[in-house]
Amino acid sequence: MNRTHFEKELEKLHYDVLKMGSLVEEAIANAIVSLVNHDTELAQKVIDDDDRIDKMEVEIDNKCAKIIVTQQPIARDLRIVLTGLKIVTDLERMADYAVDIAKTTLRIAHQKYIKPLIYIPRMAETVREMVKMSLDSYVRQDLDLARTIGEKDDIVDALYKQVFTEPLTYMMEDPRNIDQASQFLFVARYLERIADHATNICEWVIYLDTGEHIDLN
């Protein structure tokens, strides 16, 4: 494999990661919309589409393995491949959490919500911004953008506290609220974990350029 062919393989890897990222962004958005709107069809779509994301992860993993075996990259070239591997792992886990949110929709879609959802959609919007920010930093190799992800993560943490406090209040007021309120707590936790994985991607972007692992949380 000559250098030109190798660079084309890296370009394909870059494209595949971004394509997978786009699917994951869509899954997160659809999962939250399904929850807010009691939309069981959209929730089921998120669940069904996860097979495609899982398949993409396997395909990208195999491409990375092939590049390592056939080209034996070193230094920055190796970091490019390793970063691709790590990012798709984070993306796949994000998609799993989107599926978990969609499954929550299916569990409670036919119930009247104990209160209008306010903080969860706000939290989800910030999380989506983090996912987009992490992928943009990867596309542009923008270290400054990657390093600012912690500011968004602080916002998510603050909203998580709000989401956590409200359901507990409803639980104490009426034990019949416990099941539904618990589901909303799970959703908030899933969103928090997605934010953590977005932060991980930014850490890998920094690693790609510097070779150093930086904790951005």
N, C-alpha and C. Protein backbone atom coordinates (compact mmCIF):
# COMPACT_ATOMS: atom_id res chain seq x y z
N MET A 1 0.86 -1.20 0.00
CA MET A 1 0.00 0.00 0.00
C MET A 1 0.89 1.25 0.00
N ASN A 2 0.82 2.05 -1.09
CA ASN A 2 1.64 3.25 -1.14
C ASN A 2 1.03 4.37 -0.31
N ARG A 3 1.77 5.46 -0.22
CA ARG A 3 1.34 6.56 0.65
C ARG A 3 0.02 7.19 0.18
N THR A 4 -0.11 7.34 -1.13
CA THR A 4 -1.33 7.95 -1.67
C THR A 4 -2.55 7.11 -1.34
N HIS A 5 -2.41 5.80 -1.52
CA HIS A 5 -3.52 4.90 -1.21
C HIS A 5 -3.83 4.92 0.29
N PHE A 6 -2.78 4.97 1.08
CA PHE A 6 -2.94 5.02 2.53
C PHE A 6 -3.72 6.26 2.95
N GLU A 7 -3.37 7.40 2.38
CA GLU A 7 -4.06 8.64 2.71
C GLU A 7 -5.53 8.59 2.29
N LYS A 8 -5.81 7.92 1.18
CA LYS A 8 -7.20 7.76 0.75
C LYS A 8 -7.98 6.89 1.75
N GLU A 9 -7.31 5.88 2.28
CA GLU A 9 -7.95 5.02 3.30
C GLU A 9 -8.26 5.83 4.57
N LEU A 10 -7.35 6.71 4.93
CA LEU A 10 -7.59 7.57 6.10
C LEU A 10 -8.74 8.54 5.84
N GLU A 11 -8.84 9.05 4.63
CA GLU A 11 -9.95 9.93 4.27
C GLU A 11 -11.28 9.19 4.36
N LYS A 12 -11.31 7.94 3.90
CA LYS A 12 -12.53 7.14 3.99
C LYS A 12 -12.90 6.89 5.45
N LEU A 13 -11.88 6.63 6.26
CA LEU A 13 -12.12 6.43 7.69
C LEU A 13 -12.74 7.69 8.30
N HIS A 14 -12.19 8.82 7.98
CA HIS A 14 -12.68 10.11 8.47
C HIS A 14 -14.15 10.29 8.06
N TYR A 15 -14.46 10.02 6.82
CA TYR A 15 -15.82 10.16 6.30
C TYR A 15 -16.78 9.21 7.02
N ASP A 16 -16.35 7.98 7.22
CA ASP A 16 -17.21 6.99 7.87
C ASP A 16 -17.53 7.39 9.31
N VAL A 17 -16.53 7.91 10.01
CA VAL A 17 -16.75 8.35 11.39
C VAL A 17 -17.79 9.48 11.42
N LEU A 18 -17.66 10.42 10.51
CA LEU A 18 -18.60 11.54 10.46
C LEU A 18 -20.01 11.07 10.09
N LYS A 19 -20.10 10.12 9.17
CA LYS A 19 -21.41 9.58 8.78
C LYS A 19 -22.07 8.89 9.97
N MET A 20 -21.31 8.13 10.70
CA MET A 20 -21.84 7.48 11.90
C MET A 20 -22.26 8.52 12.91
N GLY A 21 -21.45 9.57 13.07
CA GLY A 21 -21.78 10.63 14.01
C GLY A 21 -23.09 11.31 13.66
N SER A 22 -23.33 11.51 12.37
CA SER A 22 -24.58 12.12 11.93
C SER A 22 -25.78 11.26 12.30
N LEU A 23 -25.65 9.96 12.15
CA LEU A 23 -26.73 9.04 12.51
C LEU A 23 -26.99 9.06 14.02
N VAL A 24 -25.92 9.18 14.79
CA VAL A 24 -26.07 9.21 16.24
C VAL A 24 -26.75 10.50 16.68
N GLU A 25 -26.35 11.62 16.08
CA GLU A 25 -27.01 12.90 16.39
C GLU A 25 -28.51 12.80 16.12
N GLU A 26 -28.87 12.19 15.00
CA GLU A 26 -30.28 12.04 14.64
C GLU A 26 -31.01 11.15 15.64
N ALA A 27 -30.34 10.09 16.08
CA ALA A 27 -30.96 9.17 17.04
C ALA A 27 -31.25 9.87 18.36
N ILE A 28 -30.31 10.67 18.83
CA ILE A 28 -30.50 11.40 20.10
C ILE A 28 -31.67 12.37 19.97
N ALA A 29 -31.69 13.13 18.86
CA ALA A 29 -32.77 14.11 18.65
C ALA A 29 -34.13 13.42 18.59
N ASN A 30 -34.20 12.33 17.83
CA ASN A 30 -35.48 11.62 17.68
C ASN A 30 -35.94 11.00 18.99
N ALA A 31 -34.99 10.51 19.77
CA ALA A 31 -35.35 9.89 21.05
C ALA A 31 -36.01 10.91 21.98
N ILE A 32 -35.45 12.11 22.04
CA ILE A 32 -36.02 13.15 22.91
C ILE A 32 -37.37 13.63 22.38
N VAL A 33 -37.48 13.82 21.08
CA VAL A 33 -38.76 14.23 20.49
C VAL A 33 -39.83 13.18 20.78
N SER A 34 -39.46 11.92 20.66
CA SER A 34 -40.42 10.85 20.93
C SER A 34 -40.90 10.90 22.38
N LEU A 35 -39.99 11.20 23.29
CA LEU A 35 -40.35 11.28 24.71
C LEU A 35 -41.28 12.46 24.97
N VAL A 36 -40.93 13.62 24.45
CA VAL A 36 -41.72 14.82 24.69
C VAL A 36 -43.13 14.70 24.09
N ASN A 37 -43.20 14.08 22.91
CA ASN A 37 -44.46 14.04 22.17
C ASN A 37 -45.22 12.72 22.32
N HIS A 38 -44.76 11.84 23.21
CA HIS A 38 -45.41 10.53 23.39
C HIS A 38 -45.47 9.77 22.05
N ASP A 39 -44.44 9.90 21.24
CA ASP A 39 -44.46 9.37 19.88
C ASP A 39 -43.83 7.98 19.85
N THR A 40 -44.65 6.95 19.92
CA THR A 40 -44.14 5.58 19.97
C THR A 40 -43.54 5.13 18.65
N GLU A 41 -44.08 5.64 17.53
CA GLU A 41 -43.53 5.26 16.22
C GLU A 41 -42.10 5.78 16.06
N LEU A 42 -41.89 7.02 16.46
CA LEU A 42 -40.54 7.58 16.36
C LEU A 42 -39.60 6.87 17.32
N ALA A 43 -40.08 6.53 18.50
CA ALA A 43 -39.26 5.79 19.46
C ALA A 43 -38.84 4.45 18.88
N GLN A 44 -39.77 3.77 18.24
CA GLN A 44 -39.45 2.47 17.65
C GLN A 44 -38.46 2.62 16.51
N LYS A 45 -38.55 3.73 15.79
CA LYS A 45 -37.59 3.99 14.71
C LYS A 45 -36.18 4.12 15.26
N VAL A 46 -36.04 4.82 16.38
CA VAL A 46 -34.72 4.95 17.01
C VAL A 46 -34.16 3.58 17.36
N ILE A 47 -35.02 2.73 17.91
CA ILE A 47 -34.59 1.38 18.30
C ILE A 47 -34.20 0.56 17.08
N ASP A 48 -35.02 0.61 16.04
CA ASP A 48 -34.76 -0.18 14.83
C ASP A 48 -33.51 0.30 14.10
N ASP A 49 -33.30 1.63 14.06
CA ASP A 49 -32.15 2.18 13.34
C ASP A 49 -30.82 1.91 14.04
N ASP A 50 -30.87 1.47 15.29
CA ASP A 50 -29.63 1.23 16.03
C ASP A 50 -28.82 0.09 15.40
N ASP A 51 -29.49 -0.83 14.73
CA ASP A 51 -28.77 -1.92 14.06
C ASP A 51 -27.81 -1.36 13.01
N ARG A 52 -28.23 -0.33 12.31
CA ARG A 52 -27.39 0.29 11.28
C ARG A 52 -26.16 0.92 11.91
N ILE A 53 -26.35 1.57 13.05
CA ILE A 53 -25.22 2.19 13.74
C ILE A 53 -24.25 1.12 14.26
N ASP A 54 -24.79 0.06 14.82
CA ASP A 54 -23.94 -1.04 15.29
C ASP A 54 -23.13 -1.64 14.14
N LYS A 55 -23.79 -1.78 13.00
CA LYS A 55 -23.11 -2.34 11.83
C LYS A 55 -21.98 -1.43 11.37
N MET A 56 -22.23 -0.13 11.40
CA MET A 56 -21.18 0.81 11.01
C MET A 56 -19.98 0.73 11.94
N GLU A 57 -20.24 0.57 13.23
CA GLU A 57 -19.13 0.45 14.17
C GLU A 57 -18.25 -0.74 13.82
N VAL A 58 -18.87 -1.87 13.55
CA VAL A 58 -18.12 -3.08 13.20
C VAL A 58 -17.32 -2.86 11.92
N GLU A 59 -17.94 -2.25 10.92
CA GLU A 59 -17.26 -2.01 9.64
C GLU A 59 -16.06 -1.09 9.82
N ILE A 60 -16.22 -0.03 10.61
CA ILE A 60 -15.11 0.90 10.84
C ILE A 60 -14.00 0.22 11.64
N ASP A 61 -14.38 -0.57 12.64
CA ASP A 61 -13.38 -1.31 13.41
C ASP A 61 -12.55 -2.21 12.49
N ASN A 62 -13.24 -2.89 11.58
CA ASN A 62 -12.54 -3.80 10.65
C ASN A 62 -11.62 -3.02 9.72
N LYS A 63 -12.06 -1.86 9.25
CA LYS A 63 -11.22 -1.04 8.38
C LYS A 63 -9.96 -0.58 9.12
N CYS A 64 -10.15 -0.18 10.37
CA CYS A 64 -9.00 0.27 11.18
C CYS A 64 -8.01 -0.87 11.39
N ALA A 65 -8.53 -2.05 11.68
CA ALA A 65 -7.67 -3.21 11.88
C ALA A 65 -6.89 -3.53 10.61
N LYS A 66 -7.57 -3.44 9.48
CA LYS A 66 -6.91 -3.72 8.20
C LYS A 66 -5.80 -2.72 7.93
N ILE A 67 -6.07 -1.44 8.21
CA ILE A 67 -5.04 -0.41 8.00
C ILE A 67 -3.82 -0.67 8.87
N ILE A 68 -4.06 -1.02 10.13
CA ILE A 68 -2.95 -1.27 11.06
C ILE A 68 -2.12 -2.47 10.61
N VAL A 69 -2.79 -3.53 10.19
CA VAL A 69 -2.09 -4.75 9.80
C VAL A 69 -1.32 -4.57 8.49
N THR A 70 -1.94 -3.93 7.51
CA THR A 70 -1.32 -3.84 6.18
C THR A 70 -0.33 -2.69 6.07
N GLN A 71 -0.58 -1.59 6.78
CA GLN A 71 0.27 -0.41 6.63
C GLN A 71 1.25 -0.23 7.78
N GLN A 72 0.91 -0.79 8.94
CA GLN A 72 1.74 -0.64 10.14
C GLN A 72 2.10 0.84 10.38
N PRO A 73 1.10 1.68 10.53
CA PRO A 73 1.36 3.12 10.71
C PRO A 73 2.07 3.41 12.02
N ILE A 74 2.78 4.51 12.05
CA ILE A 74 3.48 4.93 13.26
C ILE A 74 3.19 6.41 13.50
N ALA A 75 3.54 6.86 14.69
CA ALA A 75 3.43 8.27 15.07
C ALA A 75 2.02 8.80 14.81
N ARG A 76 1.90 9.93 14.11
CA ARG A 76 0.60 10.58 13.93
C ARG A 76 -0.35 9.72 13.11
N ASP A 77 0.17 9.00 12.12
CA ASP A 77 -0.68 8.12 11.31
C ASP A 77 -1.38 7.08 12.19
N LEU A 78 -0.64 6.53 13.12
CA LEU A 78 -1.22 5.54 14.03
C LEU A 78 -2.25 6.20 14.93
N ARG A 79 -1.97 7.41 15.40
CA ARG A 79 -2.92 8.11 16.25
C ARG A 79 -4.23 8.40 15.51
N ILE A 80 -4.14 8.67 14.21
CA ILE A 80 -5.36 8.91 13.42
C ILE A 80 -6.26 7.68 13.45
N VAL A 81 -5.65 6.53 13.25
CA VAL A 81 -6.42 5.28 13.23
C VAL A 81 -6.98 4.96 14.61
N LEU A 82 -6.14 5.09 15.64
CA LEU A 82 -6.59 4.80 17.00
C LEU A 82 -7.69 5.76 17.44
N THR A 83 -7.57 7.03 17.04
CA THR A 83 -8.61 8.00 17.38
C THR A 83 -9.93 7.63 16.73
N GLY A 84 -9.87 7.20 15.47
CA GLY A 84 -11.09 6.75 14.80
C GLY A 84 -11.74 5.60 15.54
N LEU A 85 -10.94 4.65 15.98
CA LEU A 85 -11.46 3.50 16.74
C LEU A 85 -12.14 3.94 18.02
N LYS A 86 -11.50 4.82 18.74
CA LYS A 86 -12.04 5.27 20.02
C LYS A 86 -13.31 6.09 19.84
N ILE A 87 -13.33 6.95 18.82
CA ILE A 87 -14.49 7.80 18.61
C ILE A 87 -15.72 6.98 18.25
N VAL A 88 -15.57 5.98 17.39
CA VAL A 88 -16.75 5.19 17.01
C VAL A 88 -17.27 4.39 18.20
N THR A 89 -16.38 4.02 19.12
CA THR A 89 -16.84 3.35 20.33
C THR A 89 -17.70 4.29 21.16
N ASP A 90 -17.25 5.54 21.31
CA ASP A 90 -18.05 6.53 22.04
C ASP A 90 -19.38 6.79 21.33
N LEU A 91 -19.35 6.88 20.02
CA LEU A 91 -20.58 7.13 19.26
C LEU A 91 -21.57 5.98 19.42
N GLU A 92 -21.06 4.77 19.39
CA GLU A 92 -21.95 3.62 19.53
C GLU A 92 -22.62 3.61 20.90
N ARG A 93 -21.88 3.99 21.92
CA ARG A 93 -22.47 4.03 23.26
C ARG A 93 -23.49 5.16 23.39
N MET A 94 -23.23 6.29 22.73
CA MET A 94 -24.23 7.35 22.69
C MET A 94 -25.53 6.84 22.08
N ALA A 95 -25.40 6.12 20.98
CA ALA A 95 -26.58 5.57 20.30
C ALA A 95 -27.33 4.61 21.21
N ASP A 96 -26.61 3.85 22.00
CA ASP A 96 -27.26 2.93 22.95
C ASP A 96 -28.10 3.70 23.96
N TYR A 97 -27.57 4.84 24.42
CA TYR A 97 -28.34 5.65 25.37
C TYR A 97 -29.56 6.28 24.70
N ALA A 98 -29.44 6.63 23.43
CA ALA A 98 -30.61 7.12 22.69
C ALA A 98 -31.67 6.04 22.63
N VAL A 99 -31.26 4.81 22.41
CA VAL A 99 -32.19 3.68 22.41
C VAL A 99 -32.85 3.53 23.78
N ASP A 100 -32.06 3.68 24.83
CA ASP A 100 -32.62 3.59 26.19
C ASP A 100 -33.70 4.65 26.41
N ILE A 101 -33.47 5.86 25.90
CA ILE A 101 -34.47 6.92 26.03
C ILE A 101 -35.72 6.55 25.24
N ALA A 102 -35.52 6.01 24.03
CA ALA A 102 -36.66 5.60 23.21
C ALA A 102 -37.47 4.50 23.90
N LYS A 103 -36.79 3.59 24.56
CA LYS A 103 -37.49 2.53 25.28
C LYS A 103 -38.28 3.10 26.46
N THR A 104 -37.75 4.15 27.07
CA THR A 104 -38.49 4.83 28.12
C THR A 104 -39.78 5.42 27.56
N THR A 105 -39.69 6.01 26.37
CA THR A 105 -40.90 6.53 25.71
C THR A 105 -41.95 5.45 25.58
N LEU A 106 -41.54 4.27 25.14
CA LEU A 106 -42.49 3.18 24.94
C LEU A 106 -43.12 2.74 26.27
N ARG A 107 -42.35 2.85 27.35
CA ARG A 107 -42.87 2.42 28.66
C ARG A 107 -43.95 3.37 29.17
N ILE A 108 -43.79 4.67 28.92
CA ILE A 108 -44.67 5.64 29.59
C ILE A 108 -45.48 6.50 28.60
N ALA A 109 -45.41 6.18 27.32
CA ALA A 109 -46.06 7.03 26.31
C ALA A 109 -47.56 7.16 26.52
N HIS A 110 -48.18 6.14 27.08
CA HIS A 110 -49.64 6.16 27.24
C HIS A 110 -50.06 6.67 28.61
N GLN A 111 -49.10 7.20 29.35
CA GLN A 111 -49.40 7.81 30.64
C GLN A 111 -49.43 9.33 30.49
N LYS A 112 -50.26 9.97 31.26
CA LYS A 112 -50.22 11.43 31.34
C LYS A 112 -49.02 11.80 32.21
N TYR A 113 -48.16 12.66 31.68
CA TYR A 113 -46.96 13.02 32.43
C TYR A 113 -47.34 13.82 33.67
N ILE A 114 -46.60 13.59 34.72
CA ILE A 114 -46.89 14.25 35.99
C ILE A 114 -46.65 15.75 35.91
N LYS A 115 -45.86 16.19 34.94
CA LYS A 115 -45.63 17.61 34.69
C LYS A 115 -45.08 17.77 33.28
N PRO A 116 -45.24 18.95 32.69
CA PRO A 116 -44.63 19.19 31.37
C PRO A 116 -43.11 19.05 31.47
N LEU A 117 -42.53 18.48 30.44
CA LEU A 117 -41.08 18.31 30.43
C LEU A 117 -40.42 19.63 30.05
N ILE A 118 -39.61 20.16 30.94
CA ILE A 118 -38.93 21.43 30.71
C ILE A 118 -37.41 21.23 30.73
N TYR A 119 -36.91 20.72 31.83
CA TYR A 119 -35.46 20.63 31.99
C TYR A 119 -34.84 19.52 31.14
N ILE A 120 -35.55 18.42 30.92
CA ILE A 120 -35.00 17.35 30.10
C ILE A 120 -34.76 17.82 28.67
N PRO A 121 -35.73 18.48 28.01
CA PRO A 121 -35.44 18.99 26.65
C PRO A 121 -34.29 20.01 26.64
N ARG A 122 -34.22 20.86 27.67
CA ARG A 122 -33.10 21.81 27.73
C ARG A 122 -31.78 21.08 27.86
N MET A 123 -31.77 20.09 28.71
CA MET A 123 -30.56 19.29 28.90
C MET A 123 -30.19 18.58 27.61
N ALA A 124 -31.19 18.03 26.93
CA ALA A 124 -30.96 17.31 25.68
C ALA A 124 -30.39 18.24 24.61
N GLU A 125 -30.88 19.47 24.55
CA GLU A 125 -30.39 20.43 23.56
C GLU A 125 -28.92 20.74 23.79
N THR A 126 -28.54 20.92 25.04
CA THR A 126 -27.13 21.19 25.35
C THR A 126 -26.27 19.97 25.03
N VAL A 127 -26.80 18.79 25.32
CA VAL A 127 -26.06 17.56 25.01
C VAL A 127 -25.87 17.43 23.50
N ARG A 128 -26.91 17.74 22.74
CA ARG A 128 -26.79 17.69 21.27
C ARG A 128 -25.75 18.68 20.78
N GLU A 129 -25.70 19.86 21.39
CA GLU A 129 -24.67 20.85 21.04
C GLU A 129 -23.27 20.29 21.33
N MET A 130 -23.15 19.57 22.43
CA MET A 130 -21.86 18.97 22.77
C MET A 130 -21.44 17.92 21.75
N VAL A 131 -22.39 17.10 21.33
CA VAL A 131 -22.08 16.07 20.34
C VAL A 131 -21.63 16.72 19.03
N LYS A 132 -22.37 17.74 18.60
CA LYS A 132 -22.01 18.45 17.37
C LYS A 132 -20.65 19.13 17.53
N MET A 133 -20.41 19.74 18.68
CA MET A 133 -19.14 20.40 18.94
C MET A 133 -17.98 19.41 18.87
N SER A 134 -18.19 18.24 19.45
CA SER A 134 -17.12 17.23 19.46
C SER A 134 -16.81 16.76 18.05
N LEU A 135 -17.84 16.56 17.23
CA LEU A 135 -17.62 16.12 15.85
C LEU A 135 -17.01 17.24 15.01
N ASP A 136 -17.44 18.48 15.25
CA ASP A 136 -16.84 19.61 14.53
C ASP A 136 -15.36 19.74 14.86
N SER A 137 -15.03 19.54 16.13
CA SER A 137 -13.61 19.64 16.52
C SER A 137 -12.80 18.54 15.84
N TYR A 138 -13.42 17.38 15.64
CA TYR A 138 -12.75 16.27 14.94
C TYR A 138 -12.59 16.60 13.46
N VAL A 139 -13.64 17.15 12.84
CA VAL A 139 -13.60 17.49 11.42
C VAL A 139 -12.51 18.52 11.15
N ARG A 140 -12.49 19.56 11.97
CA ARG A 140 -11.59 20.69 11.73
C ARG A 140 -10.24 20.54 12.44
N GLN A 141 -10.12 19.46 13.24
CA GLN A 141 -8.93 19.30 14.07
C GLN A 141 -8.71 20.57 14.89
N ASP A 142 -9.78 21.04 15.50
CA ASP A 142 -9.79 22.30 16.23
C ASP A 142 -9.62 22.02 17.73
N LEU A 143 -8.40 22.18 18.20
CA LEU A 143 -8.10 21.89 19.61
C LEU A 143 -8.76 22.89 20.54
N ASP A 144 -8.83 24.14 20.12
CA ASP A 144 -9.46 25.16 20.97
C ASP A 144 -10.93 24.84 21.18
N LEU A 145 -11.61 24.44 20.12
CA LEU A 145 -13.02 24.06 20.24
C LEU A 145 -13.16 22.84 21.14
N ALA A 146 -12.28 21.88 20.97
CA ALA A 146 -12.33 20.66 21.79
C ALA A 146 -12.19 21.00 23.27
N ARG A 147 -11.33 21.93 23.58
CA ARG A 147 -11.06 22.26 24.99
C ARG A 147 -12.23 23.00 25.65
N THR A 148 -13.10 23.62 24.84
CA THR A 148 -14.22 24.37 25.43
C THR A 148 -15.41 23.47 25.77
N ILE A 149 -15.31 22.18 25.49
CA ILE A 149 -16.44 21.27 25.74
C ILE A 149 -16.80 21.24 27.23
N GLY A 150 -15.80 21.48 28.10
CA GLY A 150 -16.04 21.43 29.53
C GLY A 150 -17.06 22.46 29.99
N GLU A 151 -17.12 23.60 29.29
CA GLU A 151 -18.09 24.64 29.64
C GLU A 151 -19.51 24.14 29.43
N LYS A 152 -19.73 23.45 28.32
CA LYS A 152 -21.05 22.87 28.05
C LYS A 152 -21.37 21.76 29.04
N ASP A 153 -20.36 21.00 29.41
CA ASP A 153 -20.57 19.91 30.35
C ASP A 153 -21.01 20.44 31.71
N ASP A 154 -20.51 21.61 32.09
CA ASP A 154 -20.94 22.24 33.35
C ASP A 154 -22.43 22.59 33.30
N ILE A 155 -22.89 23.04 32.14
CA ILE A 155 -24.31 23.36 31.97
C ILE A 155 -25.15 22.10 32.10
N VAL A 156 -24.69 21.03 31.49
CA VAL A 156 -25.41 19.75 31.58
C VAL A 156 -25.48 19.28 33.03
N ASP A 157 -24.40 19.41 33.75
CA ASP A 157 -24.39 19.00 35.16
C ASP A 157 -25.38 19.81 35.99
N ALA A 158 -25.47 21.12 35.71
CA ALA A 158 -26.41 21.97 36.44
C ALA A 158 -27.85 21.59 36.13
N LEU A 159 -28.14 21.32 34.85
CA LEU A 159 -29.48 20.91 34.47
C LEU A 159 -29.83 19.54 35.03
N TYR A 160 -28.82 18.68 35.12
CA TYR A 160 -29.05 17.34 35.68
C TYR A 160 -29.51 17.45 37.13
N LYS A 161 -28.94 18.39 37.86
CA LYS A 161 -29.36 18.59 39.26
C LYS A 161 -30.82 19.03 39.33
N GLN A 162 -31.22 19.89 38.39
CA GLN A 162 -32.61 20.33 38.34
C GLN A 162 -33.54 19.16 38.01
N VAL A 163 -33.15 18.38 37.01
CA VAL A 163 -33.96 17.23 36.61
C VAL A 163 -34.06 16.22 37.74
N PHE A 164 -32.99 16.09 38.49
CA PHE A 164 -32.95 15.12 39.58
C PHE A 164 -33.82 15.56 40.74
N THR A 165 -33.83 16.87 41.02
CA THR A 165 -34.57 17.38 42.18
C THR A 165 -36.08 17.31 41.99
N GLU A 166 -36.56 17.70 40.83
CA GLU A 166 -38.00 17.77 40.59
C GLU A 166 -38.71 16.42 40.74
N PRO A 167 -38.24 15.36 40.08
CA PRO A 167 -38.93 14.07 40.23
C PRO A 167 -38.96 13.57 41.68
N LEU A 168 -37.91 13.86 42.41
CA LEU A 168 -37.90 13.43 43.81
C LEU A 168 -39.03 14.10 44.59
N THR A 169 -39.27 15.37 44.26
CA THR A 169 -40.37 16.10 44.92
C THR A 169 -41.71 15.44 44.61
N TYR A 170 -41.91 15.08 43.36
CA TYR A 170 -43.16 14.44 42.97
C TYR A 170 -43.30 13.05 43.60
N MET A 171 -42.21 12.36 43.76
CA MET A 171 -42.25 11.06 44.41
C MET A 171 -42.73 11.17 45.85
N MET A 172 -42.21 12.18 46.54
CA MET A 172 -42.57 12.37 47.95
C MET A 172 -44.02 12.82 48.10
N GLU A 173 -44.51 13.59 47.13
CA GLU A 173 -45.88 14.07 47.20
C GLU A 173 -46.91 12.97 47.00
N ASP A 174 -46.58 12.02 46.10
CA ASP A 174 -47.53 10.96 45.79
C ASP A 174 -46.77 9.72 45.33
N PRO A 175 -46.84 8.63 46.09
CA PRO A 175 -46.12 7.40 45.71
C PRO A 175 -46.49 6.87 44.33
N ARG A 176 -47.67 7.25 43.83
CA ARG A 176 -48.06 6.80 42.49
C ARG A 176 -47.20 7.42 41.40
N ASN A 177 -46.48 8.46 41.75
CA ASN A 177 -45.60 9.12 40.78
C ASN A 177 -44.22 8.47 40.67
N ILE A 178 -43.96 7.54 41.55
CA ILE A 178 -42.60 6.99 41.66
C ILE A 178 -42.12 6.37 40.35
N ASP A 179 -42.95 5.54 39.73
CA ASP A 179 -42.51 4.83 38.52
C ASP A 179 -42.14 5.82 37.41
N GLN A 180 -43.06 6.75 37.10
CA GLN A 180 -42.81 7.68 36.01
C GLN A 180 -41.65 8.63 36.34
N ALA A 181 -41.63 9.12 37.56
CA ALA A 181 -40.55 10.02 37.95
C ALA A 181 -39.19 9.32 37.86
N SER A 182 -39.17 8.05 38.20
CA SER A 182 -37.93 7.28 38.09
C SER A 182 -37.46 7.19 36.64
N GLN A 183 -38.41 7.03 35.73
CA GLN A 183 -38.07 6.96 34.31
C GLN A 183 -37.41 8.25 33.84
N PHE A 184 -37.92 9.39 34.32
CA PHE A 184 -37.32 10.67 33.93
C PHE A 184 -35.91 10.81 34.52
N LEU A 185 -35.70 10.27 35.70
CA LEU A 185 -34.36 10.29 36.28
C LEU A 185 -33.39 9.47 35.43
N PHE A 186 -33.88 8.33 34.94
CA PHE A 186 -33.05 7.50 34.06
C PHE A 186 -32.70 8.26 32.79
N VAL A 187 -33.67 8.95 32.21
CA VAL A 187 -33.42 9.71 30.98
C VAL A 187 -32.34 10.76 31.22
N ALA A 188 -32.44 11.47 32.34
CA ALA A 188 -31.44 12.48 32.66
C ALA A 188 -30.06 11.85 32.78
N ARG A 189 -30.02 10.68 33.37
CA ARG A 189 -28.73 9.98 33.51
C ARG A 189 -28.19 9.57 32.15
N TYR A 190 -29.07 9.10 31.26
CA TYR A 190 -28.62 8.73 29.92
C TYR A 190 -28.04 9.94 29.19
N LEU A 191 -28.69 11.08 29.33
CA LEU A 191 -28.19 12.30 28.68
C LEU A 191 -26.84 12.72 29.26
N GLU A 192 -26.70 12.59 30.55
CA GLU A 192 -25.42 12.92 31.18
C GLU A 192 -24.30 12.04 30.64
N ARG A 193 -24.61 10.77 30.44
CA ARG A 193 -23.60 9.84 29.92
C ARG A 193 -23.25 10.17 28.47
N ILE A 194 -24.25 10.58 27.68
CA ILE A 194 -23.96 10.99 26.30
C ILE A 194 -23.00 12.18 26.31
N ALA A 195 -23.25 13.12 27.22
CA ALA A 195 -22.36 14.29 27.35
C ALA A 195 -20.94 13.85 27.69
N ASP A 196 -20.81 12.86 28.55
CA ASP A 196 -19.48 12.36 28.91
C ASP A 196 -18.76 11.77 27.69
N HIS A 197 -19.51 11.07 26.86
CA HIS A 197 -18.90 10.49 25.66
C HIS A 197 -18.52 11.56 24.65
N ALA A 198 -19.31 12.64 24.57
CA ALA A 198 -18.93 13.76 23.71
C ALA A 198 -17.61 14.37 24.19
N THR A 199 -17.49 14.47 25.50
CA THR A 199 -16.24 14.98 26.08
C THR A 199 -15.08 14.05 25.75
N ASN A 200 -15.34 12.75 25.81
CA ASN A 200 -14.30 11.78 25.45
C ASN A 200 -13.79 12.01 24.03
N ILE A 201 -14.71 12.29 23.10
CA ILE A 201 -14.31 12.51 21.71
C ILE A 201 -13.37 13.71 21.63
N CYS A 202 -13.69 14.77 22.35
CA CYS A 202 -12.81 15.95 22.35
C CYS A 202 -11.44 15.61 22.93
N GLU A 203 -11.41 14.77 23.92
CA GLU A 203 -10.13 14.34 24.48
C GLU A 203 -9.32 13.57 23.45
N TRP A 204 -10.00 12.77 22.62
CA TRP A 204 -9.29 12.02 21.57
C TRP A 204 -8.81 12.94 20.46
N VAL A 205 -9.56 14.01 20.19
CA VAL A 205 -9.12 14.99 19.19
C VAL A 205 -7.81 15.64 19.64
N ILE A 206 -7.74 15.96 20.91
CA ILE A 206 -6.51 16.54 21.46
C ILE A 206 -5.37 15.53 21.41
N TYR A 207 -5.69 14.29 21.74
CA TYR A 207 -4.67 13.22 21.68
C TYR A 207 -4.13 13.08 20.26
N LEU A 208 -5.03 13.15 19.27
CA LEU A 208 -4.61 12.99 17.88
C LEU A 208 -3.55 14.01 17.51
N ASP A 209 -3.71 15.23 17.98
CA ASP A 209 -2.77 16.28 17.61
C ASP A 209 -1.52 16.30 18.47
N THR A 210 -1.68 16.03 19.77
CA THR A 210 -0.57 16.20 20.71
C THR A 210 0.07 14.89 21.17
N GLY A 211 -0.69 13.79 21.08
CA GLY A 211 -0.20 12.53 21.61
C GLY A 211 -0.36 12.43 23.11
N GLU A 212 -1.06 13.40 23.72
CA GLU A 212 -1.26 13.42 25.15
C GLU A 212 -2.74 13.24 25.50
N HIS A 213 -2.99 12.53 26.60
CA HIS A 213 -4.35 12.34 27.08
C HIS A 213 -4.67 13.42 28.11
N ILE A 214 -5.70 14.22 27.81
CA ILE A 214 -6.11 15.33 28.68
C ILE A 214 -7.51 15.04 29.20
N ASP A 215 -7.69 15.19 30.53
CA ASP A 215 -9.02 15.01 31.13
C ASP A 215 -9.77 16.33 31.07
N LEU A 216 -10.86 16.38 30.28
CA LEU A 216 -11.63 17.60 30.12
C LEU A 216 -12.84 17.67 31.03
N ASN A 217 -13.11 16.63 31.79
CA ASN A 217 -14.27 16.65 32.70
C ASN A 217 -13.92 17.45 33.95
